[in-house]
Amino acid sequence: MRLAGQTVTIILTEDGRRVLSLGAVGVPDATLITVSVEESEDMGLWIRLPRENQMHYFLLRWEYILGIDIQSGLGKLIGMRNERASDFVENKG
C-alpha cells in the first residue's frame, strides 16, 4: 500500500514513543500519533513533525511501529441515489 502523501495514525511501541519525543518538541505523550507521511522505505517512514515553529522530516524506523491506521474515506456519490436495492436487480419473470 502506498503511504506517501497520506495522513495516518501510527501505533508506537514504548521505545518508539521515547524516540519520537526526543526528535520532536510537542509530540503528545501517547502511543497513538497522527502524522503526515512523506515517504516509505525499507528503514521506516519519513514523516513531517513540527519543531521550533518549523516542519521537520523525521525517519521513524519500522521497529518502533506496532501498526498503522489509514482512514479509507467514504468516497463520493455521483449521480442519482436510489434507496431501494430491489431497483438494482433486473426482474426476470
Protein backbone atom coordinates (compact mmCIF):
# COMPACT_ATOMS: atom_id res chain seq x y z
CA MET A 1 0.00 0.00 0.00
CA ARG A 2 1.27 3.44 -0.88
CA LEU A 3 1.67 5.54 2.27
CA ALA A 4 3.49 8.57 0.85
CA GLY A 5 1.34 11.68 0.86
CA GLN A 6 -1.19 10.29 3.33
CA THR A 7 -2.05 11.32 6.86
CA VAL A 8 -2.03 8.21 9.05
CA THR A 9 -2.34 7.30 12.70
CA ILE A 10 0.66 5.33 13.94
CA ILE A 11 0.60 2.97 16.92
CA LEU A 12 4.02 3.24 18.54
CA THR A 13 5.99 0.89 20.74
CA GLU A 14 7.10 2.27 24.11
CA ASP A 15 10.60 2.79 22.68
CA GLY A 16 9.09 4.46 19.62
CA ARG A 17 7.28 6.97 21.79
CA ARG A 18 10.52 7.82 23.58
CA VAL A 19 12.47 8.16 20.31
CA LEU A 20 9.81 10.36 18.78
CA SER A 21 9.69 12.62 21.83
CA LEU A 22 13.48 13.04 21.61
CA GLY A 23 13.25 14.09 17.97
CA ALA A 24 10.29 16.41 18.12
CA VAL A 25 9.11 19.04 20.52
CA GLY A 26 5.39 18.96 21.26
CA VAL A 27 4.72 15.31 20.41
CA PRO A 28 1.83 14.03 22.53
CA ASP A 29 2.73 11.57 25.26
CA ALA A 30 0.64 8.74 23.78
CA THR A 31 1.10 5.53 21.83
CA LEU A 32 -1.13 6.88 19.01
CA ILE A 33 0.08 9.77 16.89
CA THR A 34 -1.28 11.20 13.65
CA VAL A 35 1.39 12.19 11.14
CA SER A 36 1.86 13.17 7.53
CA VAL A 37 3.90 10.52 5.68
CA GLU A 38 6.30 11.94 3.12
CA GLU A 39 7.92 8.67 2.03
CA SER A 40 8.01 5.00 2.96
CA GLU A 41 11.19 2.94 2.61
CA ASP A 42 12.89 -0.20 3.90
CA MET A 43 14.17 1.57 7.02
CA GLY A 44 10.85 3.15 8.02
CA LEU A 45 8.59 6.12 7.41
CA TRP A 46 9.73 9.64 6.67
CA ILE A 47 7.23 11.82 8.49
CA ARG A 48 6.78 15.55 8.99
CA LEU A 49 6.79 16.90 12.53
CA PRO A 50 6.58 20.42 13.96
CA ARG A 51 9.63 21.61 15.90
CA GLU A 52 10.66 25.16 16.80
CA ASN A 53 7.86 26.67 14.66
CA GLN A 54 9.03 24.79 11.56
CA MET A 55 8.21 21.49 9.92
CA HIS A 56 10.99 18.88 10.02
CA TYR A 57 11.40 15.50 8.35
CA PHE A 58 11.92 12.61 10.75
CA LEU A 59 12.72 8.96 9.97
CA LEU A 60 10.58 6.73 12.17
CA ARG A 61 12.05 3.25 11.92
CA TRP A 62 9.77 0.23 11.44
CA GLU A 63 10.93 -1.38 14.70
CA TYR A 64 9.16 1.42 16.61
CA ILE A 65 5.82 0.98 14.82
CA LEU A 66 3.27 -1.60 16.00
CA GLY A 67 0.60 -0.66 13.48
CA ILE A 68 -0.68 1.95 11.06
CA ASP A 69 -4.29 3.09 10.79
CA ILE A 70 -5.27 4.65 7.45
CA GLN A 71 -8.65 6.31 7.04
CA SER A 72 -10.29 4.81 3.98
CA GLY A 73 -12.79 7.60 3.40
CA LEU A 74 -16.40 7.24 2.37
CA GLY A 75 -15.97 8.08 -1.25
CA LYS A 76 -18.17 10.40 -3.24
CA LEU A 77 -21.58 9.59 -4.68
CA ILE A 78 -22.01 10.82 -8.24
CA GLY A 79 -25.40 10.72 -9.91
CA MET A 80 -28.82 9.89 -8.56
CA ARG A 81 -29.24 7.86 -5.41
CA ASN A 82 -31.87 5.13 -5.34
CA GLU A 83 -32.90 3.98 -1.86
CA ARG A 84 -34.39 0.63 -2.95
CA ALA A 85 -31.89 -2.15 -3.54
CA SER A 86 -34.52 -4.09 -5.49
CA ASP A 87 -34.36 -1.41 -8.20
CA PHE A 88 -30.82 -2.54 -8.97
CA VAL A 89 -31.83 -6.14 -9.66
CA GLU A 90 -33.31 -6.92 -13.05
CA ASN A 91 -36.62 -8.70 -12.62
CA LYS A 92 -36.77 -11.66 -14.98
CA GLY A 93 -40.10 -13.32 -14.55
